Amino acid sequence: MKIDKKYESLVFGFFMALGMSLFMSFAMTLINVGINHVFLKIWMKSWGIGFTIALPVSLILPPFISKLVKEIIQEEAGV
């Protein structure tokens, strides 16, 4: 299945949120709980919560961050 190019930013945001929330929740669960018999259950719960927060954030923030970056990055002289 191919998705139309006009949805590229949405698909990118979805997969970025999925991946970032997966790795961040793993690291935070490992630090806070350690490896034990409930690690997987706690990690999956944390991942679910993290993803529900990360998805809308990854779709809302990029335009604002892009504008901020353009304001703080100096363009080359004479261009």
PDB file of N, CA and C in Angstrom:
ATOM      1  N   MET A   1       0.838  -1.183   0.000  1.00  0.00           N
ATOM      2  CA  MET A   1       0.000   0.000   0.000  1.00  0.00           C
ATOM      3  C   MET A   1       0.883   1.246   0.000  1.00  0.00           C
ATOM      4  N   LYS A   2       0.608   2.156  -0.892  1.00  0.00           N
ATOM      5  CA  LYS A   2       1.327   3.422  -0.968  1.00  0.00           C
ATOM      6  C   LYS A   2       0.385   4.545  -0.536  1.00  0.00           C
ATOM      7  N   ILE A   3       0.944   5.520   0.170  1.00  0.00           N
ATOM      8  CA  ILE A   3       0.177   6.671   0.632  1.00  0.00           C
ATOM      9  C   ILE A   3       0.591   7.877  -0.199  1.00  0.00           C
ATOM     10  N   ASP A   4      -0.376   8.701  -0.555  1.00  0.00           N
ATOM     11  CA  ASP A   4      -0.124   9.888  -1.364  1.00  0.00           C
ATOM     12  C   ASP A   4       0.911  10.800  -0.710  1.00  0.00           C
ATOM     13  N   LYS A   5       1.759  11.419  -1.528  1.00  0.00           N
ATOM     14  CA  LYS A   5       2.850  12.266  -1.054  1.00  0.00           C
ATOM     15  C   LYS A   5       2.351  13.443  -0.222  1.00  0.00           C
ATOM     16  N   LYS A   6       1.132  13.899  -0.443  1.00  0.00           N
ATOM     17  CA  LYS A   6       0.630  15.043   0.321  1.00  0.00           C
ATOM     18  C   LYS A   6       0.488  14.730   1.812  1.00  0.00           C
ATOM     19  N   TYR A   7       0.489  13.453   2.180  1.00  0.00           N
ATOM     20  CA  TYR A   7       0.393  13.052   3.583  1.00  0.00           C
ATOM     21  C   TYR A   7       1.757  12.732   4.190  1.00  0.00           C
ATOM     22  N   GLU A   8       2.832  13.080   3.476  1.00  0.00           N
ATOM     23  CA  GLU A   8       4.181  12.730   3.921  1.00  0.00           C
ATOM     24  C   GLU A   8       4.486  13.230   5.331  1.00  0.00           C
ATOM     25  N   SER A   9       4.133  14.467   5.638  1.00  0.00           N
ATOM     26  CA  SER A   9       4.452  15.005   6.966  1.00  0.00           C
ATOM     27  C   SER A   9       3.659  14.288   8.061  1.00  0.00           C
ATOM     28  N   LEU A  10       2.445  13.877   7.770  1.00  0.00           N
ATOM     29  CA  LEU A  10       1.652  13.134   8.760  1.00  0.00           C
ATOM     30  C   LEU A  10       2.229  11.746   9.006  1.00  0.00           C
ATOM     31  N   VAL A  11       2.618  11.070   7.928  1.00  0.00           N
ATOM     32  CA  VAL A  11       3.203   9.734   8.055  1.00  0.00           C
ATOM     33  C   VAL A  11       4.543   9.813   8.766  1.00  0.00           C
ATOM     34  N   PHE A  12       5.351  10.817   8.416  1.00  0.00           N
ATOM     35  CA  PHE A  12       6.628  11.014   9.092  1.00  0.00           C
ATOM     36  C   PHE A  12       6.407  11.268  10.581  1.00  0.00           C
ATOM     37  N   GLY A  13       5.477  12.148  10.922  1.00  0.00           N
ATOM     38  CA  GLY A  13       5.173  12.448  12.321  1.00  0.00           C
ATOM     39  C   GLY A  13       4.704  11.223  13.087  1.00  0.00           C
ATOM     40  N   PHE A  14       3.883  10.403  12.428  1.00  0.00           N
ATOM     41  CA  PHE A  14       3.394   9.177  13.067  1.00  0.00           C
ATOM     42  C   PHE A  14       4.546   8.246  13.423  1.00  0.00           C
ATOM     43  N   PHE A  15       5.407   7.973  12.441  1.00  0.00           N
ATOM     44  CA  PHE A  15       6.512   7.043  12.688  1.00  0.00           C
ATOM     45  C   PHE A  15       7.570   7.625  13.620  1.00  0.00           C
ATOM     46  N   MET A  16       7.788   8.930  13.567  1.00  0.00           N
ATOM     47  CA  MET A  16       8.728   9.555  14.484  1.00  0.00           C
ATOM     48  C   MET A  16       8.202   9.460  15.918  1.00  0.00           C
ATOM     49  N   ALA A  17       6.927   9.730  16.108  1.00  0.00           N
ATOM     50  CA  ALA A  17       6.320   9.623  17.440  1.00  0.00           C
ATOM     51  C   ALA A  17       6.365   8.181  17.934  1.00  0.00           C
ATOM     52  N   LEU A  18       6.096   7.246  17.048  1.00  0.00           N
ATOM     53  CA  LEU A  18       6.121   5.831  17.401  1.00  0.00           C
ATOM     54  C   LEU A  18       7.515   5.417  17.872  1.00  0.00           C
ATOM     55  N   GLY A  19       8.521   5.745  17.079  1.00  0.00           N
ATOM     56  CA  GLY A  19       9.897   5.360  17.412  1.00  0.00           C
ATOM     57  C   GLY A  19      10.429   6.070  18.637  1.00  0.00           C
ATOM     58  N   MET A  20      10.233   7.369  18.716  1.00  0.00           N
ATOM     59  CA  MET A  20      10.745   8.133  19.858  1.00  0.00           C
ATOM     60  C   MET A  20      10.078   7.688  21.154  1.00  0.00           C
ATOM     61  N   SER A  21       8.766   7.504  21.128  1.00  0.00           N
ATOM     62  CA  SER A  21       8.075   7.087  22.351  1.00  0.00           C
ATOM     63  C   SER A  21       8.496   5.673  22.765  1.00  0.00           C
ATOM     64  N   LEU A  22       8.766   4.807  21.799  1.00  0.00           N
ATOM     65  CA  LEU A  22       9.225   3.456  22.102  1.00  0.00           C
ATOM     66  C   LEU A  22      10.556   3.493  22.848  1.00  0.00           C
ATOM     67  N   PHE A  23      11.537   4.200  22.284  1.00  0.00           N
ATOM     68  CA  PHE A  23      12.866   4.220  22.889  1.00  0.00           C
ATOM     69  C   PHE A  23      12.912   5.020  24.188  1.00  0.00           C
ATOM     70  N   MET A  24      12.198   6.112  24.239  1.00  0.00           N
ATOM     71  CA  MET A  24      12.194   6.927  25.462  1.00  0.00           C
ATOM     72  C   MET A  24      11.502   6.191  26.604  1.00  0.00           C
ATOM     73  N   SER A  25      10.371   5.549  26.322  1.00  0.00           N
ATOM     74  CA  SER A  25       9.677   4.818  27.381  1.00  0.00           C
ATOM     75  C   SER A  25      10.500   3.623  27.852  1.00  0.00           C
ATOM     76  N   PHE A  26      11.227   2.981  26.921  1.00  0.00           N
ATOM     77  CA  PHE A  26      12.103   1.872  27.306  1.00  0.00           C
ATOM     78  C   PHE A  26      13.183   2.364  28.262  1.00  0.00           C
ATOM     79  N   ALA A  27      13.848   3.454  27.889  1.00  0.00           N
ATOM     80  CA  ALA A  27      14.940   3.976  28.717  1.00  0.00           C
ATOM     81  C   ALA A  27      14.434   4.422  30.087  1.00  0.00           C
ATOM     82  N   MET A  28      13.329   5.134  30.113  1.00  0.00           N
ATOM     83  CA  MET A  28      12.810   5.634  31.388  1.00  0.00           C
ATOM     84  C   MET A  28      12.311   4.484  32.278  1.00  0.00           C
ATOM     85  N   THR A  29      11.683   3.494  31.674  1.00  0.00           N
ATOM     86  CA  THR A  29      11.231   2.336  32.453  1.00  0.00           C
ATOM     87  C   THR A  29      12.425   1.565  32.991  1.00  0.00           C
ATOM     88  N   LEU A  30      13.439   1.377  32.182  1.00  0.00           N
ATOM     89  CA  LEU A  30      14.642   0.675  32.615  1.00  0.00           C
ATOM     90  C   LEU A  30      15.313   1.403  33.783  1.00  0.00           C
ATOM     91  N   ILE A  31      15.412   2.724  33.684  1.00  0.00           N
ATOM     92  CA  ILE A  31      16.024   3.514  34.752  1.00  0.00           C
ATOM     93  C   ILE A  31      15.198   3.458  36.032  1.00  0.00           C
ATOM     94  N   ASN A  32      13.895   3.591  35.902  1.00  0.00           N
ATOM     95  CA  ASN A  32      13.038   3.688  37.088  1.00  0.00           C
ATOM     96  C   ASN A  32      12.653   2.353  37.717  1.00  0.00           C
ATOM     97  N   VAL A  33      12.547   1.304  36.895  1.00  0.00           N
ATOM     98  CA  VAL A  33      12.053   0.014  37.395  1.00  0.00           C
ATOM     99  C   VAL A  33      13.137  -1.050  37.377  1.00  0.00           C
ATOM    100  N   GLY A  34      14.024  -0.994  36.376  1.00  0.00           N
ATOM    101  CA  GLY A  34      15.007  -2.051  36.201  1.00  0.00           C
ATOM    102  C   GLY A  34      14.364  -3.248  35.522  1.00  0.00           C
ATOM    103  N   ILE A  35      15.188  -4.208  35.172  1.00  0.00           N
ATOM    104  CA  ILE A  35      14.675  -5.428  34.539  1.00  0.00           C
ATOM    105  C   ILE A  35      14.144  -6.346  35.636  1.00  0.00           C
ATOM    106  N   ASN A  36      12.856  -6.622  35.564  1.00  0.00           N
ATOM    107  CA  ASN A  36      12.226  -7.552  36.502  1.00  0.00           C
ATOM    108  C   ASN A  36      11.017  -8.198  35.840  1.00  0.00           C
ATOM    109  N   HIS A  37      10.240  -8.916  36.616  1.00  0.00           N
ATOM    110  CA  HIS A  37       9.132  -9.688  36.049  1.00  0.00           C
ATOM    111  C   HIS A  37       7.979  -8.822  35.526  1.00  0.00           C
ATOM    112  N   VAL A  38       7.900  -7.564  35.898  1.00  0.00           N
ATOM    113  CA  VAL A  38       6.833  -6.687  35.410  1.00  0.00           C
ATOM    114  C   VAL A  38       7.339  -5.623  34.434  1.00  0.00           C
ATOM    115  N   PHE A  39       8.609  -5.705  34.056  1.00  0.00           N
ATOM    116  CA  PHE A  39       9.200  -4.692  33.169  1.00  0.00           C
ATOM    117  C   PHE A  39       8.405  -4.530  31.882  1.00  0.00           C
ATOM    118  N   LEU A  40       8.116  -5.632  31.199  1.00  0.00           N
ATOM    119  CA  LEU A  40       7.435  -5.557  29.911  1.00  0.00           C
ATOM    120  C   LEU A  40       6.050  -4.921  30.055  1.00  0.00           C
ATOM    121  N   LYS A  41       5.321  -5.301  31.074  1.00  0.00           N
ATOM    122  CA  LYS A  41       3.985  -4.747  31.298  1.00  0.00           C
ATOM    123  C   LYS A  41       4.054  -3.240  31.552  1.00  0.00           C
ATOM    124  N   ILE A  42       4.974  -2.826  32.391  1.00  0.00           N
ATOM    125  CA  ILE A  42       5.119  -1.396  32.703  1.00  0.00           C
ATOM    126  C   ILE A  42       5.594  -0.630  31.479  1.00  0.00           C
ATOM    127  N   TRP A  43       6.541  -1.207  30.747  1.00  0.00           N
ATOM    128  CA  TRP A  43       7.063  -0.546  29.544  1.00  0.00           C
ATOM    129  C   TRP A  43       5.963  -0.343  28.514  1.00  0.00           C
ATOM    130  N   MET A  44       5.156  -1.362  28.255  1.00  0.00           N
ATOM    131  CA  MET A  44       4.094  -1.245  27.257  1.00  0.00           C
ATOM    132  C   MET A  44       3.056  -0.200  27.679  1.00  0.00           C
ATOM    133  N   LYS A  45       2.746  -0.151  28.961  1.00  0.00           N
ATOM    134  CA  LYS A  45       1.809   0.863  29.449  1.00  0.00           C
ATOM    135  C   LYS A  45       2.411   2.255  29.260  1.00  0.00           C
ATOM    136  N   SER A  46       3.678   2.413  29.609  1.00  0.00           N
ATOM    137  CA  SER A  46       4.358   3.699  29.450  1.00  0.00           C
ATOM    138  C   SER A  46       4.439   4.096  27.987  1.00  0.00           C
ATOM    139  N   TRP A  47       4.705   3.123  27.133  1.00  0.00           N
ATOM    140  CA  TRP A  47       4.784   3.401  25.704  1.00  0.00           C
ATOM    141  C   TRP A  47       3.439   3.881  25.172  1.00  0.00           C
ATOM    142  N   GLY A  48       2.381   3.238  25.576  1.00  0.00           N
ATOM    143  CA  GLY A  48       1.044   3.650  25.138  1.00  0.00           C
ATOM    144  C   GLY A  48       0.730   5.082  25.543  1.00  0.00           C
ATOM    145  N   ILE A  49       1.030   5.411  26.780  1.00  0.00           N
ATOM    146  CA  ILE A  49       0.802   6.777  27.256  1.00  0.00           C
ATOM    147  C   ILE A  49       1.701   7.750  26.502  1.00  0.00           C
ATOM    148  N   GLY A  50       2.977   7.395  26.371  1.00  0.00           N
ATOM    149  CA  GLY A  50       3.924   8.259  25.673  1.00  0.00           C
ATOM    150  C   GLY A  50       3.532   8.505  24.228  1.00  0.00           C
ATOM    151  N   PHE A  51       3.061   7.472  23.542  1.00  0.00           N
ATOM    152  CA  PHE A  51       2.686   7.618  22.138  1.00  0.00           C
ATOM    153  C   PHE A  51       1.459   8.511  21.980  1.00  0.00           C
ATOM    154  N   THR A  52       0.488   8.383  22.889  1.00  0.00           N
ATOM    155  CA  THR A  52      -0.712   9.222  22.779  1.00  0.00           C
ATOM    156  C   THR A  52      -0.380  10.696  22.989  1.00  0.00           C
ATOM    157  N   ILE A  53       0.693  10.965  23.707  1.00  0.00           N
ATOM    158  CA  ILE A  53       1.147  12.348  23.879  1.00  0.00           C
ATOM    159  C   ILE A  53       2.050  12.754  22.708  1.00  0.00           C
ATOM    160  N   ALA A  54       2.945  11.863  22.311  1.00  0.00           N
ATOM    161  CA  ALA A  54       3.930  12.184  21.270  1.00  0.00           C
ATOM    162  C   ALA A  54       3.302  12.409  19.899  1.00  0.00           C
ATOM    163  N   LEU A  55       2.253  11.691  19.563  1.00  0.00           N
ATOM    164  CA  LEU A  55       1.676  11.818  18.219  1.00  0.00           C
ATOM    165  C   LEU A  55       1.135  13.218  17.949  1.00  0.00           C
ATOM    166  N   PRO A  56       0.243  13.752  18.773  1.00  0.00           N
ATOM    167  CA  PRO A  56      -0.224  15.110  18.466  1.00  0.00           C
ATOM    168  C   PRO A  56       0.889  16.153  18.546  1.00  0.00           C
ATOM    169  N   VAL A  57       1.818  15.963  19.481  1.00  0.00           N
ATOM    170  CA  VAL A  57       2.933  16.907  19.600  1.00  0.00           C
ATOM    171  C   VAL A  57       3.785  16.885  18.332  1.00  0.00           C
ATOM    172  N   SER A  58       4.045  15.689  17.789  1.00  0.00           N
ATOM    173  CA  SER A  58       4.879  15.577  16.592  1.00  0.00           C
ATOM    174  C   SER A  58       4.189  16.137  15.350  1.00  0.00           C
ATOM    175  N   LEU A  59       2.894  16.312  15.414  1.00  0.00           N
ATOM    176  CA  LEU A  59       2.162  16.875  14.277  1.00  0.00           C
ATOM    177  C   LEU A  59       1.929  18.379  14.436  1.00  0.00           C
ATOM    178  N   ILE A  60       1.921  18.866  15.665  1.00  0.00           N
ATOM    179  CA  ILE A  60       1.638  20.278  15.929  1.00  0.00           C
ATOM    180  C   ILE A  60       2.910  21.119  15.976  1.00  0.00           C
ATOM    181  N   LEU A  61       3.978  20.608  16.585  1.00  0.00           N
ATOM    182  CA  LEU A  61       5.183  21.402  16.807  1.00  0.00           C
ATOM    183  C   LEU A  61       6.044  21.731  15.582  1.00  0.00           C
ATOM    184  N   PRO A  62       6.185  20.876  14.592  1.00  0.00           N
ATOM    185  CA  PRO A  62       7.126  21.151  13.497  1.00  0.00           C
ATOM    186  C   PRO A  62       7.023  22.528  12.845  1.00  0.00           C
ATOM    187  N   PRO A  63       5.826  23.050  12.540  1.00  0.00           N
ATOM    188  CA  PRO A  63       5.808  24.386  11.918  1.00  0.00           C
ATOM    189  C   PRO A  63       6.399  25.474  12.828  1.00  0.00           C
ATOM    190  N   PHE A  64       6.133  25.379  14.116  1.00  0.00           N
ATOM    191  CA  PHE A  64       6.654  26.367  15.059  1.00  0.00           C
ATOM    192  C   PHE A  64       8.166  26.239  15.222  1.00  0.00           C
ATOM    193  N   ILE A  65       8.641  25.008  15.283  1.00  0.00           N
ATOM    194  CA  ILE A  65      10.079  24.776  15.419  1.00  0.00           C
ATOM    195  C   ILE A  65      10.807  25.218  14.157  1.00  0.00           C
ATOM    196  N   SER A  66      10.223  24.940  13.006  1.00  0.00           N
ATOM    197  CA  SER A  66      10.823  25.358  11.741  1.00  0.00           C
ATOM    198  C   SER A  66      10.949  26.881  11.684  1.00  0.00           C
ATOM    199  N   LYS A  67       9.914  27.582  12.108  1.00  0.00           N
ATOM    200  CA  LYS A  67       9.950  29.045  12.131  1.00  0.00           C
ATOM    201  C   LYS A  67      11.025  29.544  13.093  1.00  0.00           C
ATOM    202  N   LEU A  68      11.115  28.937  14.260  1.00  0.00           N
ATOM    203  CA  LEU A  68      12.126  29.315  15.249  1.00  0.00           C
ATOM    204  C   LEU A  68      13.538  29.108  14.704  1.00  0.00           C
ATOM    205  N   VAL A  69      13.763  27.971  14.083  1.00  0.00           N
ATOM    206  CA  VAL A  69      15.085  27.662  13.518  1.00  0.00           C
ATOM    207  C   VAL A  69      15.451  28.671  12.435  1.00  0.00           C
ATOM    208  N   LYS A  70      14.499  29.020  11.587  1.00  0.00           N
ATOM    209  CA  LYS A  70      14.765  30.002  10.532  1.00  0.00           C
ATOM    210  C   LYS A  70      15.128  31.364  11.119  1.00  0.00           C
ATOM    211  N   GLU A  71      14.568  31.696  12.264  1.00  0.00           N
ATOM    212  CA  GLU A  71      14.865  32.976  12.904  1.00  0.00           C
ATOM    213  C   GLU A  71      16.241  32.994  13.564  1.00  0.00           C
ATOM    214  N   ILE A  72      16.712  31.856  14.047  1.00  0.00           N
ATOM    215  CA  ILE A  72      17.986  31.856  14.778  1.00  0.00           C
ATOM    216  C   ILE A  72      19.184  31.434  13.929  1.00  0.00           C
ATOM    217  N   ILE A  73      18.932  30.869  12.742  1.00  0.00           N
ATOM    218  CA  ILE A  73      20.026  30.468  11.863  1.00  0.00           C
ATOM    219  C   ILE A  73      20.388  31.648  10.964  1.00  0.00           C
ATOM    220  N   GLN A  74      21.635  31.983  10.963  1.00  0.00           N
ATOM    221  CA  GLN A  74      22.116  33.100  10.152  1.00  0.00           C
ATOM    222  C   GLN A  74      22.344  32.625   8.724  1.00  0.00           C
ATOM    223  N   GLU A  75      21.795  33.396   7.782  1.00  0.00           N
ATOM    224  CA  GLU A  75      22.017  33.072   6.366  1.00  0.00           C
ATOM    225  C   GLU A  75      23.391  33.568   5.959  1.00  0.00           C
ATOM    226  N   GLU A  76      23.957  32.939   4.931  1.00  0.00           N
ATOM    227  CA  GLU A  76      25.279  33.341   4.429  1.00  0.00           C
ATOM    228  C   GLU A  76      25.182  34.736   3.822  1.00  0.00           C
ATOM    229  N   ALA A  77      26.231  35.512   4.028  1.00  0.00           N
ATOM    230  CA  ALA A  77      26.274  36.856   3.467  1.00  0.00           C
ATOM    231  C   ALA A  77      26.299  36.791   1.957  1.00  0.00           C
ATOM    232  N   GLY A  78      25.517  37.655   1.308  1.00  0.00           N
ATOM    233  CA  GLY A  78      25.506  37.737  -0.142  1.00  0.00           C
ATOM    234  C   GLY A  78      24.616  36.707  -0.812  1.00  0.00           C
ATOM    235  N   VAL A  79      23.867  35.956  -0.054  1.00  0.00           N
ATOM    236  CA  VAL A  79      22.985  34.955  -0.662  1.00  0.00           C
ATOM    237  C   VAL A  79      21.573  35.434  -0.607  1.00  0.00           C
TER     238      VAL A  79
END
